[in-house]
Amino acid sequence: MAILLSELYGKQIITNEGKKIGLVEDVIIDFDKGSVANLLLVKAENLFRSNNTAAVLAKSSVKYERIKSVSETIIISAK
């Protein structure tokens, strides 16, 4: 699916079971692959300022590969 990064910001993320996850605040890009790696539920600057970046990343992000559809909301697969 092709989408502009700017279209992702502020969208609500919901699982395919209807659970609200949060809003897209930022994205992490994998420059080697040329694709989005994660959607962040927090601003990237807050993530990198934390004492335990790995734990905050795991708790406050969604892997892009989980996305099933993007429209008014982003639907992701449940874990």
Protein backbone atom coordinates (compact mmCIF):
# COMPACT_ATOMS: atom_id res chain seq x y z
CA MET A 1 0.00 0.00 0.00
CA ALA A 2 1.36 3.43 -0.90
CA ILE A 3 0.56 6.31 1.42
CA LEU A 4 2.18 9.62 2.29
CA LEU A 5 3.78 9.75 5.73
CA SER A 6 1.93 12.98 6.45
CA GLU A 7 -1.36 11.10 6.09
CA LEU A 8 -0.48 8.78 8.99
CA TYR A 9 0.03 11.44 11.66
CA GLY A 10 -2.89 11.83 14.06
CA LYS A 11 -4.79 8.77 12.84
CA GLN A 12 -6.37 6.50 15.41
CA ILE A 13 -4.94 2.96 15.54
CA ILE A 14 -7.48 0.22 16.24
CA THR A 15 -7.06 -3.56 16.31
CA ASN A 16 -9.21 -5.70 14.04
CA GLU A 17 -11.02 -6.69 17.25
CA GLY A 18 -12.00 -3.05 17.93
CA LYS A 19 -9.50 -2.18 20.70
CA LYS A 20 -8.27 1.42 20.53
CA ILE A 21 -4.47 1.56 20.70
CA GLY A 22 -3.80 5.29 20.35
CA LEU A 23 -2.90 8.00 17.84
CA VAL A 24 0.07 8.06 15.48
CA GLU A 25 2.44 10.68 16.87
CA ASP A 26 5.56 9.81 14.84
CA VAL A 27 7.10 7.13 12.65
CA ILE A 28 10.38 5.23 12.51
CA ILE A 29 11.77 4.69 9.04
CA ASP A 30 14.07 1.84 8.04
CA PHE A 31 16.32 3.64 5.57
CA ASP A 32 18.06 0.40 4.51
CA LYS A 33 14.75 -1.08 3.35
CA GLY A 34 13.21 2.24 2.33
CA SER A 35 10.05 1.65 4.33
CA VAL A 36 8.27 2.53 7.55
CA ALA A 37 9.30 0.23 10.40
CA ASN A 38 7.08 1.40 13.28
CA LEU A 39 4.26 3.78 14.08
CA LEU A 40 4.89 5.58 17.36
CA LEU A 41 2.22 6.45 19.90
CA VAL A 42 4.60 9.05 21.40
CA LYS A 43 6.77 11.75 19.86
CA ALA A 44 10.17 10.39 18.81
CA GLU A 45 11.95 13.04 20.87
CA ASN A 46 10.21 11.75 24.03
CA LEU A 47 11.17 8.20 23.15
CA PHE A 48 14.85 9.01 22.77
CA ARG A 49 14.91 11.08 25.97
CA SER A 50 13.67 8.21 28.12
CA ASN A 51 16.00 6.23 30.37
CA ASN A 52 14.80 2.91 28.99
CA THR A 53 14.30 3.51 25.25
CA ALA A 54 13.84 -0.17 24.34
CA ALA A 55 11.03 -0.66 26.87
CA VAL A 56 9.24 2.53 25.84
CA LEU A 57 9.60 1.59 22.16
CA ALA A 58 8.07 -1.85 22.79
CA LYS A 59 5.18 -0.35 24.76
CA SER A 60 4.56 2.72 22.59
CA SER A 61 4.90 1.50 19.02
CA VAL A 62 3.22 -0.70 16.45
CA LYS A 63 5.19 -2.59 13.80
CA TYR A 64 4.12 -1.40 10.37
CA GLU A 65 3.77 -4.99 9.14
CA ARG A 66 0.72 -5.37 11.44
CA ILE A 67 -1.26 -2.82 9.42
CA LYS A 68 -4.25 -4.31 7.61
CA SER A 69 -5.82 -1.09 6.27
CA VAL A 70 -5.49 2.68 6.37
CA SER A 71 -8.46 4.99 5.91
CA GLU A 72 -9.96 7.35 8.49
CA THR A 73 -8.40 4.99 11.04
CA ILE A 74 -5.56 2.48 10.91
CA ILE A 75 -6.64 -1.13 11.44
CA ILE A 76 -3.96 -3.52 12.71
CA SER A 77 -3.93 -7.22 13.41
CA ALA A 78 -4.24 -8.24 17.05
CA LYS A 79 -1.09 -9.81 18.47
